[in-house]
Protein backbone atom coordinates (compact mmCIF):
# COMPACT_ATOMS: atom_id res chain seq x y z
CA UNK A 1 14.98 147.74 52.39
CA UNK A 2 18.13 148.63 54.02
CA UNK A 3 17.68 150.18 57.53
CA UNK A 4 18.29 153.51 57.28
CA UNK A 5 18.88 155.95 60.43
CA UNK A 6 16.10 158.40 61.03
CA UNK A 7 17.02 162.09 61.88
CA UNK A 8 15.26 163.24 65.00
CA UNK A 9 12.92 166.37 63.03
CA UNK A 10 9.49 167.20 64.12
CA UNK A 11 7.06 166.08 61.14
CA UNK A 12 5.58 169.24 58.97
CA UNK A 13 1.90 169.73 58.86
CA UNK A 14 0.80 167.38 61.30
CA UNK A 15 -2.99 167.88 61.23
CA UNK A 16 -5.95 166.35 63.59
CA UNK A 17 -8.63 165.85 61.55
CA UNK A 18 -12.09 163.85 62.22
CA UNK A 19 -13.00 161.38 59.59
CA UNK A 20 -16.62 161.45 59.68
CA UNK A 21 -18.99 164.99 60.02
CA UNK A 22 -20.60 165.97 62.94
CA UNK A 23 -24.57 164.79 62.67
CA UNK A 24 -24.07 161.16 62.91
CA UNK A 25 -25.22 159.46 65.65
CA UNK A 26 -21.93 159.09 68.39
CA UNK A 27 -20.58 155.64 68.23
CA UNK A 28 -21.41 155.42 72.14
CA UNK A 29 -25.01 155.91 71.28
CA UNK A 30 -26.41 152.10 71.68
CA UNK A 31 -30.00 153.19 70.30
CA UNK A 32 -28.64 154.56 66.88
CA UNK A 33 -26.11 152.01 66.44
CA UNK A 34 -28.73 149.12 66.61
CA UNK A 35 -30.77 150.86 63.53
CA UNK A 36 -30.60 149.10 60.36
CA UNK A 37 -29.22 151.05 57.82
CA UNK A 38 -30.67 151.13 54.04
CA UNK A 39 -27.59 149.82 51.91
CA UNK A 40 -27.51 149.55 47.92
CA UNK A 41 -24.57 147.00 47.09
CA UNK A 42 -23.64 146.57 43.25
CA UNK A 43 -21.31 144.32 41.33
CA UNK A 44 -20.79 144.87 36.99
CA UNK A 45 -17.66 143.45 35.28
CA UNK A 46 -16.89 146.45 33.02
CA UNK A 47 -14.91 144.74 30.21
CA UNK A 48 -11.17 145.47 30.32
CA UNK A 49 -11.04 148.72 32.26
CA UNK A 50 -13.86 149.70 30.74
CA UNK A 51 -12.63 151.66 27.17
CA UNK A 52 -12.18 148.44 25.04
CA UNK A 53 -15.72 148.00 23.81
CA UNK A 54 -16.82 150.20 20.84
CA UNK A 55 -20.09 150.93 21.45
CA UNK A 56 -20.96 151.04 17.47
CA UNK A 57 -20.42 148.00 16.92
CA UNK A 58 -19.99 146.12 20.36
CA UNK A 59 -16.49 144.79 19.37
CA UNK A 60 -12.94 145.49 20.13
CA UNK A 61 -11.87 149.15 20.27
CA UNK A 62 -9.17 149.54 18.07
CA UNK A 63 -8.24 153.12 18.84
CA UNK A 64 -4.87 152.98 20.55
CA UNK A 65 -5.81 155.09 23.97
CA UNK A 66 -9.12 152.52 24.05
CA UNK A 67 -12.78 154.68 23.59
CA UNK A 68 -13.23 156.98 26.24
CA UNK A 69 -16.96 157.46 25.53
CA UNK A 70 -17.59 153.93 26.27
CA UNK A 71 -15.76 154.16 30.04
CA UNK A 72 -18.32 157.53 30.42
CA UNK A 73 -21.48 155.38 29.72
CA UNK A 74 -20.02 152.64 32.20
CA UNK A 75 -19.83 155.48 34.84
CA UNK A 76 -23.31 156.63 33.59
CA UNK A 77 -24.75 152.95 34.44
CA UNK A 78 -23.34 152.98 37.88
CA UNK A 79 -25.13 156.23 38.40
CA UNK A 80 -28.35 154.91 37.08
CA UNK A 81 -28.28 151.98 39.37
CA UNK A 82 -27.62 154.48 42.48
CA UNK A 83 -25.34 151.88 44.48
CA UNK A 84 -23.96 152.85 47.76
CA UNK A 85 -20.91 150.59 47.06
CA UNK A 86 -19.58 148.81 43.89
CA UNK A 87 -17.66 145.86 43.56
CA UNK A 88 -15.94 146.46 39.98
CA UNK A 89 -14.62 143.38 38.36
CA UNK A 90 -12.02 143.97 34.91
CA UNK A 91 -11.37 147.51 36.35
CA UNK A 92 -7.62 147.01 35.60
CA UNK A 93 -6.39 151.01 36.15
CA UNK A 94 -9.97 152.61 35.84
CA UNK A 95 -11.02 152.29 39.85
CA UNK A 96 -9.94 155.76 40.76
CA UNK A 97 -11.01 157.36 37.58
CA UNK A 98 -14.72 156.18 38.00
CA UNK A 99 -14.79 156.88 41.93
CA UNK A 100 -13.72 160.38 41.12
CA UNK A 101 -16.06 160.81 38.44
CA UNK A 102 -19.16 159.82 40.72
CA UNK A 103 -17.62 161.50 43.97
CA UNK A 104 -16.92 158.10 45.79
CA UNK A 105 -14.32 156.75 47.91
CA UNK A 106 -12.29 154.28 46.29
CA UNK A 107 -9.39 151.15 46.84
CA UNK A 108 -7.75 150.32 43.67
CA UNK A 109 -6.34 147.50 45.75
CA UNK A 110 -9.95 145.76 46.17
CA UNK A 111 -11.82 147.20 42.89
CA UNK A 112 -14.20 148.71 45.00
CA UNK A 113 -15.99 152.59 45.17
CA UNK A 114 -18.22 153.34 47.85
CA UNK A 115 -20.01 156.43 48.86
CA UNK A 116 -18.88 155.61 52.55
CA UNK A 117 -15.38 156.00 53.72
CA UNK A 118 -12.98 152.99 53.05
CA UNK A 119 -10.76 151.42 55.80
CA UNK A 120 -8.32 148.88 54.63
CA UNK A 121 -7.67 147.00 58.15
CA UNK A 122 -4.58 145.47 59.54
CA UNK A 123 -4.41 142.10 58.52
CA UNK A 124 -6.93 142.03 55.92
CA UNK A 125 -4.36 141.37 52.99
CA UNK A 126 -6.36 142.56 50.17
CA UNK A 127 -9.17 139.80 50.93
CA UNK A 128 -11.47 142.48 52.30
CA UNK A 129 -12.08 146.42 53.18
CA UNK A 130 -14.26 147.93 55.58
CA UNK A 131 -16.46 150.95 54.47
CA UNK A 132 -17.51 153.07 57.61
CA UNK A 133 -21.39 153.48 57.61
CA UNK A 134 -20.78 155.53 61.07
CA UNK A 135 -18.23 156.36 63.16
CA UNK A 136 -16.79 153.09 64.89
CA UNK A 137 -19.76 150.93 62.78
CA UNK A 138 -18.49 149.01 59.79
CA UNK A 139 -19.15 146.32 57.26
CA UNK A 140 -16.54 144.28 55.30
CA UNK A 141 -16.66 144.22 51.66
CA UNK A 142 -14.91 141.64 49.53
CA UNK A 143 -14.76 141.41 45.91
CA UNK A 144 -13.61 138.48 43.29
CA UNK A 145 -13.11 137.85 40.20
CA UNK A 146 -12.68 133.79 39.36
CA UNK A 147 -10.74 131.96 36.72
CA UNK A 148 -13.52 131.95 33.60
CA UNK A 149 -11.75 129.37 31.27
CA UNK A 150 -12.77 126.55 30.93
CA UNK A 151 -16.45 127.49 31.48
CA UNK A 152 -18.21 124.93 33.29
CA UNK A 153 -21.73 125.35 31.26
CA UNK A 154 -19.50 124.92 27.87
CA UNK A 155 -18.75 121.35 28.99
CA UNK A 156 -22.47 120.73 29.75
CA UNK A 157 -23.21 122.34 26.48
CA UNK A 158 -20.89 119.58 24.96
CA UNK A 159 -21.93 116.80 26.48
CA UNK A 160 -19.36 116.05 29.44
CA UNK A 161 -20.88 114.39 32.46
CA UNK A 162 -21.41 115.77 35.79
CA UNK A 163 -18.49 113.99 37.21
CA UNK A 164 -15.74 115.92 34.46
CA UNK A 165 -17.93 119.79 35.46
CA UNK A 166 -17.61 118.90 39.23
CA UNK A 167 -13.70 118.08 38.72
CA UNK A 168 -13.15 121.34 36.90
CA UNK A 169 -14.93 123.25 39.16
CA UNK A 170 -13.21 121.87 42.21
CA UNK A 171 -9.89 122.19 40.55
CA UNK A 172 -9.97 125.75 38.81
CA UNK A 173 -12.47 127.65 40.65
CA UNK A 174 -13.12 126.44 44.10
CA UNK A 175 -9.41 126.99 45.26
CA UNK A 176 -9.64 130.75 43.91
CA UNK A 177 -12.48 131.26 46.53
CA UNK A 178 -10.50 129.64 49.79
CA UNK A 179 -8.90 133.09 51.14
CA UNK A 180 -12.93 134.60 51.18
CA UNK A 181 -14.13 131.28 53.00
CA UNK A 182 -11.34 131.09 55.51
CA UNK A 183 -11.34 134.62 56.52
CA UNK A 184 -15.07 136.41 55.98
CA UNK A 185 -17.09 133.98 57.83
CA UNK A 186 -15.45 135.19 60.97
CA UNK A 187 -15.92 138.38 60.51
CA UNK A 188 -19.74 137.67 60.57
CA UNK A 189 -19.42 135.91 63.47
CA UNK A 190 -17.67 138.89 65.17
CA UNK A 191 -20.45 140.76 64.42
CA UNK A 192 -20.05 142.38 60.94
CA UNK A 193 -21.62 141.76 58.29
CA UNK A 194 -20.33 140.73 55.27
CA UNK A 195 -20.90 141.61 51.25
CA UNK A 196 -19.23 139.48 48.51
CA UNK A 197 -19.44 141.36 45.18
CA UNK A 198 -17.80 139.35 41.87
CA UNK A 199 -18.17 137.90 38.44
CA UNK A 200 -17.81 134.31 39.59
CA UNK A 201 -17.78 132.68 36.40
CA UNK A 202 -19.82 130.22 37.30
CA UNK A 203 -23.54 129.40 37.36
CA UNK A 204 -25.32 129.22 41.01
CA UNK A 205 -26.52 126.11 42.81
CA UNK A 206 -29.70 127.79 43.21
CA UNK A 207 -29.98 127.80 39.38
CA UNK A 208 -29.48 124.61 38.00
CA UNK A 209 -32.52 122.43 39.79
CA UNK A 210 -34.57 120.04 38.51
CA UNK A 211 -37.26 122.28 37.52
CA UNK A 212 -34.80 124.47 35.46
CA UNK A 213 -33.12 121.36 33.62
CA UNK A 214 -36.88 120.40 32.67
CA UNK A 215 -37.47 123.74 30.69
CA UNK A 216 -33.69 124.71 29.80
CA UNK A 217 -32.40 122.63 26.78
CA UNK A 218 -29.04 123.78 27.84
CA UNK A 219 -29.07 122.54 31.22
CA UNK A 220 -28.75 118.79 30.91
CA UNK A 221 -28.95 117.84 34.43
CA UNK A 222 -29.53 119.40 37.51
CA UNK A 223 -26.20 120.23 39.21
CA UNK A 224 -24.66 121.72 42.78
CA UNK A 225 -22.05 124.22 41.22
CA UNK A 226 -19.63 123.59 44.09
CA UNK A 227 -18.60 127.34 44.45
CA UNK A 228 -22.06 128.58 45.11
CA UNK A 229 -22.33 125.73 47.20
CA UNK A 230 -19.55 126.29 49.31
CA UNK A 231 -20.36 130.11 49.75
CA UNK A 232 -23.80 129.21 51.06
CA UNK A 233 -22.54 126.50 53.69
CA UNK A 234 -20.27 129.10 54.95
CA UNK A 235 -23.21 131.43 55.55
CA UNK A 236 -23.26 133.66 52.54
CA UNK A 237 -27.06 134.28 50.77
CA UNK A 238 -27.45 135.04 47.30
CA UNK A 239 -29.05 138.25 47.21
CA UNK A 240 -31.03 137.67 43.86
CA UNK A 241 -32.38 134.87 44.88
CA UNK A 242 -33.62 135.78 48.20
CA UNK A 243 -35.58 138.64 46.45
CA UNK A 244 -36.16 136.53 43.32
CA UNK A 245 -36.30 132.60 44.48
CA UNK A 246 -37.95 131.32 41.52
CA UNK A 247 -34.90 130.62 38.86
CA UNK A 248 -37.53 128.95 36.34
CA UNK A 249 -40.11 132.24 36.65
CA UNK A 250 -37.15 134.81 36.64
CA UNK A 251 -33.74 133.27 35.49
CA UNK A 252 -32.02 137.10 35.86
CA UNK A 253 -28.92 136.45 33.40
CA UNK A 254 -26.05 138.03 33.82
CA UNK A 255 -24.03 136.30 30.97
CA UNK A 256 -24.22 137.62 28.25
CA UNK A 257 -26.29 140.60 26.88
CA UNK A 258 -23.65 140.02 23.81
CA UNK A 259 -19.97 141.20 23.08
CA UNK A 260 -16.71 140.28 21.52
CA UNK A 261 -16.29 137.31 23.38
CA UNK A 262 -19.58 135.93 23.63
CA UNK A 263 -20.04 132.43 21.32
CA UNK A 264 -22.66 131.75 18.77
CA UNK A 265 -23.49 128.44 20.72
CA UNK A 266 -23.92 130.67 23.70
CA UNK A 267 -25.08 129.40 27.68
CA UNK A 268 -26.63 132.45 28.96
CA UNK A 269 -26.52 132.00 32.99
CA UNK A 270 -26.43 133.83 36.02
CA UNK A 271 -22.46 134.21 37.25
CA UNK A 272 -22.47 137.60 38.84
CA UNK A 273 -23.75 137.64 42.44
CA UNK A 274 -23.98 140.00 45.57
CA UNK A 275 -24.00 137.98 48.52
CA UNK A 276 -23.89 138.53 52.09
CA UNK A 277 -23.45 137.04 55.83
CA UNK A 278 -24.09 138.42 58.94
CA UNK A 279 -26.61 141.29 60.21
CA UNK A 280 -27.35 142.40 56.69
CA UNK A 281 -31.18 141.36 55.05
CA UNK A 282 -32.15 141.71 51.10
CA UNK A 283 -35.23 143.37 50.17
CA UNK A 284 -34.48 144.14 46.74
CA UNK A 285 -32.17 143.00 43.91
CA UNK A 286 -32.24 145.11 40.29
CA UNK A 287 -30.35 143.53 36.74
CA UNK A 288 -28.79 146.71 35.36
CA UNK A 289 -28.34 146.12 31.56
CA UNK A 290 -29.35 146.41 28.23
CA UNK A 291 -32.57 148.20 27.03
CA UNK A 292 -35.26 145.11 26.56
CA UNK A 293 -32.79 142.55 27.73
CA UNK A 294 -34.23 139.68 29.89
CA UNK A 295 -35.44 140.54 33.93
CA UNK A 296 -33.67 143.98 33.10
CA UNK A 297 -34.56 146.42 35.44
CA UNK A 298 -32.35 149.27 34.71
CA UNK A 299 -31.43 149.69 31.65
CA UNK A 300 -29.17 151.69 29.38
CA UNK A 301 -28.75 152.45 25.96
CA UNK A 302 -26.32 151.73 24.48
CA UNK A 303 -25.19 149.22 27.49
CA UNK A 304 -21.16 149.27 27.68
CA UNK A 305 -20.05 145.66 29.17
CA UNK A 306 -20.72 142.45 28.06
CA UNK A 307 -21.80 141.31 31.90
CA UNK A 308 -25.31 142.41 33.12
CA UNK A 309 -24.67 143.98 36.56
CA UNK A 310 -26.72 143.28 39.73
CA UNK A 311 -27.59 146.26 42.11
CA UNK A 312 -29.23 144.65 45.60
CA UNK A 313 -30.63 146.77 48.64
CA UNK A 314 -30.14 145.66 52.31
CA UNK A 315 -31.49 146.45 55.43
CA UNK A 316 -28.00 146.29 57.60
CA UNK A 317 -27.03 146.76 60.99
CA UNK A 318 -23.22 147.68 60.86
CA UNK A 319 -20.80 146.08 63.36
CA UNK A 320 -18.22 147.67 65.87
CA UNK A 321 -15.14 148.31 64.30
CA UNK A 322 -11.88 146.62 65.88
CA UNK A 323 -9.49 148.67 67.38
CA UNK A 324 -7.42 149.61 64.68
CA UNK A 325 -5.14 151.98 62.51
CA UNK A 326 -5.41 152.12 58.81
CA UNK A 327 -3.34 154.07 56.41
CA UNK A 328 -4.86 155.92 53.23
CA UNK A 329 -1.75 154.88 50.85
CA UNK A 330 0.38 152.21 51.02
CA UNK A 331 2.83 153.56 48.34
CA UNK A 332 4.13 157.26 49.13
CA UNK A 333 6.47 159.34 48.32
CA UNK A 334 8.69 161.40 50.51
CA UNK A 335 6.78 164.50 51.14
CA UNK A 336 3.21 162.90 50.53
CA UNK A 337 1.04 163.38 53.13
CA UNK A 338 -0.30 160.28 54.91
CA UNK A 339 -3.44 160.43 56.54
CA UNK A 340 -4.18 157.53 59.33
CA UNK A 341 -7.31 156.66 60.13
CA UNK A 342 -8.03 155.14 63.96
CA UNK A 343 -10.56 153.23 65.73
CA UNK A 344 -9.37 153.59 69.40
CA UNK A 345 -10.37 152.42 73.08
CA UNK A 346 -11.28 156.39 73.90
CA UNK A 347 -8.97 156.33 76.46
CA UNK A 348 -6.87 159.69 77.50
CA UNK A 349 -3.42 158.95 76.12
CA UNK A 350 -3.75 157.04 73.00
CA UNK A 351 -1.87 158.18 70.25
CA UNK A 352 -1.41 157.84 66.72
CA UNK A 353 2.44 157.66 65.34
CA UNK A 354 4.48 156.14 62.66
CA UNK A 355 7.37 154.04 63.34
CA UNK A 356 10.35 151.99 61.40
CA UNK A 357 8.62 148.62 59.82
CA UNK A 358 8.95 146.04 63.15
CA UNK A 359 9.27 148.93 65.88
CA UNK A 360 7.95 149.84 69.06
CA UNK A 361 7.11 153.43 70.68
CA UNK A 362 10.70 153.90 71.42
CA UNK A 363 11.24 153.79 67.41
CA UNK A 364 8.51 156.21 66.94
CA UNK A 365 9.37 158.88 64.63
CA UNK A 366 6.66 160.81 64.33
CA UNK A 367 3.21 160.68 67.08
CA UNK A 368 0.32 162.58 68.12
CA UNK A 369 -2.71 162.31 70.49
CA UNK A 370 -5.75 161.05 69.03
CA UNK A 371 -7.23 164.19 70.22
CA UNK A 372 -9.35 166.37 72.49
CA UNK A 373 -12.07 164.29 74.95
CA UNK A 374 -10.23 160.74 73.86
CA UNK A 375 -12.24 160.45 70.65
CA UNK A 376 -12.84 156.34 69.47
CA UNK A 377 -12.54 157.65 66.11
CA UNK A 378 -10.68 159.64 63.76
CA UNK A 379 -7.82 160.65 61.99
CA UNK A 380 -4.42 162.08 61.72
CA UNK A 381 -2.31 163.45 58.62
CA UNK A 382 1.20 163.72 58.68
CA UNK A 383 3.98 164.69 55.88
CA UNK A 384 6.44 162.80 55.40
CA UNK A 385 8.84 165.48 54.33
CA UNK A 386 11.86 164.77 56.59
CA UNK A 387 11.49 160.77 56.79
CA UNK A 388 13.67 158.77 55.03
CA UNK A 389 12.82 156.10 52.23
CA UNK A 390 11.90 152.99 53.50
CA UNK A 391 9.59 150.48 55.25
CA UNK A 392 7.31 152.30 57.56
CA UNK A 393 4.33 151.49 60.10
CA UNK A 394 1.39 153.35 61.15
CA UNK A 395 0.57 152.61 64.91
CA UNK A 396 -1.75 153.17 67.70
CA UNK A 397 -0.35 153.49 70.94
CA UNK A 398 -2.52 152.92 74.38
CA UNK A 399 -1.68 154.68 77.65
CA UNK A 400 1.08 152.51 78.51
CA UNK A 401 3.10 153.25 74.97
CA UNK A 402 1.93 149.84 74.16
CA UNK A 403 1.59 149.37 70.29
CA UNK A 404 -2.46 147.50 69.88
CA UNK A 405 -2.58 147.96 65.65
CA UNK A 406 0.08 148.34 63.05
CA UNK A 407 -0.55 149.06 59.41
CA UNK A 408 2.43 148.97 56.92
CA UNK A 409 3.02 151.47 54.58
CA UNK A 410 6.33 152.34 52.14
CA UNK A 411 7.96 155.55 51.43
CA UNK A 412 10.22 156.20 48.66
CA UNK A 413 12.27 158.86 46.89
CA UNK A 414 10.96 160.81 44.21
CA UNK A 415 11.41 158.95 41.17
CA UNK A 416 12.38 155.77 42.47
CA UNK A 417 11.64 153.14 40.11
CA UNK A 418 9.65 150.39 40.11
CA UNK A 419 11.95 147.12 40.04
CA UNK A 420 11.64 143.58 39.52
CA UNK A 421 14.66 141.07 39.88
CA UNK A 422 14.81 137.08 39.58
CA UNK A 423 17.14 135.35 42.61
CA UNK A 424 19.61 134.08 40.14
CA UNK A 425 20.54 134.61 36.50
CA UNK A 426 21.13 131.26 35.14
CA UNK A 427 18.44 128.10 36.18
CA UNK A 428 18.62 124.71 35.25
CA UNK A 429 15.54 123.36 33.54
CA UNK A 430 12.50 122.78 36.40
CA UNK A 431 14.06 124.86 38.54
CA UNK A 432 12.04 127.45 40.52
CA UNK A 433 12.56 131.11 39.45
CA UNK A 434 12.33 133.35 42.42
CA UNK A 435 11.15 136.98 41.77
CA UNK A 436 11.11 140.19 44.23
CA UNK A 437 9.52 143.43 43.38
CA UNK A 438 9.76 146.78 45.09
CA UNK A 439 7.26 149.94 44.50
CA UNK A 440 4.44 148.18 43.01
CA UNK A 441 0.97 150.15 42.46
CA UNK A 442 -0.47 147.41 44.63
CA UNK A 443 -3.28 147.36 42.69
CA UNK A 444 -6.16 144.41 42.71
CA UNK A 445 -4.55 142.13 39.83
CA UNK A 446 -0.58 143.30 39.15
CA UNK A 447 1.03 140.43 37.95
CA UNK A 448 4.34 138.86 36.57
CA UNK A 449 4.80 137.29 33.51
CA UNK A 450 7.60 135.40 31.71
CA UNK A 451 8.69 137.11 28.79
CA UNK A 452 11.17 136.11 25.74
CA UNK A 453 12.96 139.53 25.73
CA UNK A 454 12.07 139.57 21.88
CA UNK A 455 8.53 139.09 22.21
CA UNK A 456 6.92 142.46 21.77
CA UNK A 457 5.00 143.62 18.50
CA UNK A 458 5.00 147.32 19.65
CA UNK A 459 7.62 149.10 21.39
CA UNK A 460 5.69 148.63 25.29
CA UNK A 461 7.44 151.91 26.54
CA UNK A 462 5.43 153.92 23.91
CA UNK A 463 3.61 156.63 26.17
CA UNK A 464 0.61 156.28 23.80
CA UNK A 465 0.60 152.58 24.22
CA UNK A 466 -2.15 152.12 26.98
CA UNK A 467 -5.09 150.32 25.74
CA UNK A 468 -4.04 148.20 23.54
CA UNK A 469 -1.44 145.01 24.44
CA UNK A 470 1.55 147.03 24.45
CA UNK A 471 3.18 144.14 23.05
CA UNK A 472 3.04 142.12 26.13
CA UNK A 473 0.35 139.53 25.31
CA UNK A 474 2.51 136.81 24.32
CA UNK A 475 3.47 135.93 28.37
CA UNK A 476 4.72 132.16 28.92
CA UNK A 477 3.35 131.96 32.27
CA UNK A 478 1.98 134.46 35.37
CA UNK A 479 1.51 134.97 38.75
CA UNK A 480 -0.32 137.74 40.64
CA UNK A 481 1.58 140.27 43.13
CA UNK A 482 -1.60 139.49 45.29
CA UNK A 483 -1.81 143.39 45.42
CA UNK A 484 1.55 143.90 47.55
CA UNK A 485 3.67 146.75 47.24
CA UNK A 486 7.07 144.49 47.96
CA UNK A 487 7.11 140.80 47.73
CA UNK A 488 8.30 137.58 46.57
CA UNK A 489 6.79 134.75 44.54
CA UNK A 490 7.84 131.68 42.73
CA UNK A 491 7.49 130.60 39.24
CA UNK A 492 7.09 126.58 39.49
CA UNK A 493 5.10 123.86 37.88
CA UNK A 494 2.10 125.15 39.58
CA UNK A 495 2.06 128.58 37.66
CA UNK A 496 -0.37 129.62 35.57
CA UNK A 497 0.22 129.14 31.78
CA UNK A 498 0.43 131.39 29.20
CA UNK A 499 1.95 130.68 25.68
CA UNK A 500 4.40 127.89 27.18
CA UNK A 501 4.30 125.21 29.83
CA UNK A 502 6.55 124.06 32.44
CA UNK A 503 9.53 123.52 32.69
CA UNK A 504 10.51 126.18 30.33
CA UNK A 505 13.04 125.33 27.60
CA UNK A 506 16.50 126.30 27.56
CA UNK A 507 16.72 129.96 25.97
CA UNK A 508 16.78 133.76 27.49
CA UNK A 509 14.03 135.24 29.27
CA UNK A 510 12.88 138.05 31.42
CA UNK A 511 10.24 138.65 34.20
CA UNK A 512 7.89 141.74 33.28
CA UNK A 513 5.15 143.51 36.04
CA UNK A 514 2.03 144.19 33.94
CA UNK A 515 -0.50 146.64 35.55
CA UNK A 516 -3.80 145.07 37.25
CA UNK A 517 -4.65 142.64 34.73
CA UNK A 518 -3.93 144.69 32.05
CA UNK A 519 -0.99 144.83 29.65
CA UNK A 520 0.29 148.17 30.78
CA UNK A 521 4.40 147.75 31.38
CA UNK A 522 5.43 148.86 34.78
CA UNK A 523 9.16 147.18 34.89
CA UNK A 524 11.07 144.30 33.48
CA UNK A 525 13.77 141.91 35.18
CA UNK A 526 17.56 141.61 33.62
CA UNK A 527 17.26 138.87 31.02
CA UNK A 528 18.16 135.57 32.91
CA UNK A 529 18.79 131.79 31.29
CA UNK A 530 17.49 128.39 31.30
CA UNK A 531 20.29 126.26 29.99
CA UNK A 532 21.01 122.21 30.98
CA UNK A 533 23.83 121.68 33.15
């Protein structure tokens, strides 16, 4: 954004609050800090936002607004499992409603809900988030949904050799887990336990053993599935197999209890996992599913999704939080409050402040002491009234006014639109198409698609167009925004394909931004052309 001159006015409604209630052991209490905490972690794929399944016939819901009774049953399913933390897959835009119904904290960026406060630390980039189990004591949470198609077990079923299946997994799903492999083990090495939940869309390397191949017709040969093997090599432990080590006696299938996307010659398998690394020990693991389902421990009738869930219990010793500031919301409107959570050094004179993006203590537009007694942990609430719309950073200032941590957020004028723009209006065939955006929601799977401007079977701006396709299903290629508020990307030969392939043929196109892996339209670019020169 264009740099604005900020008026030297006081920030209204400056409130210092403590983020955790009295009664917890203080962060400096070493004895309390080393005591394990019992933590229950769940993963569940809720099927296209949790309201797209008709519970009466287990087919797609045909109502324009979806089937709200199904979402209510999803909420009751989570309640029955009684988790402390849930990684939700296919939450679409319903992470927040689910969390609010349960009284949980939530991160739409991560599709994670939690009984414990969630802290989005600087530099995590949507790969992980912290849950504060005690003041200054955290665990890291990550949540993934790997590509589903082509599905490896179907290739095995249809006679593909192991080499072909391995090539598929190493080209499709293994790349999708590289960010987690690169970042999460380092947290565990620093003493912060990590939990990785997800719909991995692949069997586990622990399940396709010679013993399983001898008794399951669809397992044509033992196979070391690459994703699970790579995560195990990085130090992750599969909680279900820790508790139930025999895949012959207790298969624990999560795909599938049935649904509109299952097939007649289905290959059932365990593709939804709760993994951990670091100072966490699995002491229990249960399957959540339909009444009478195989290995189902927590049964619901009707069961509201096409994946069984997994709820695992751990004894965990949380790690010490790094020094940080983190904002409650990365996307704000002028006049909103912004809560800045901190874990400081505990020294008198430390301050929390707001600066323009990239600024130093000299450019601070609001600041306040961390509080009486120089607390290690707490939060400060600022009103943004009086601030100009632009990009900012929350900062933690040490006793010498040096910036020791910073966390970005974006402030927009009331009614500011989401924008999507291409870097040119005309492209040659095969030329990369640059796209930039502002004011995006920043949800886990916000995405951009290339469309023909005429490709719409309904009016995507119709306010009743919510749960259905909204006319946005015929995308040609797509890219994710990677949960950014503002950003850029390029459509190239490496972009995932929809109903077209690269290069695009000559014609007129537009870029649409869609919400959180669904088809709700957020914004569209001006039309652009692909022309032979």
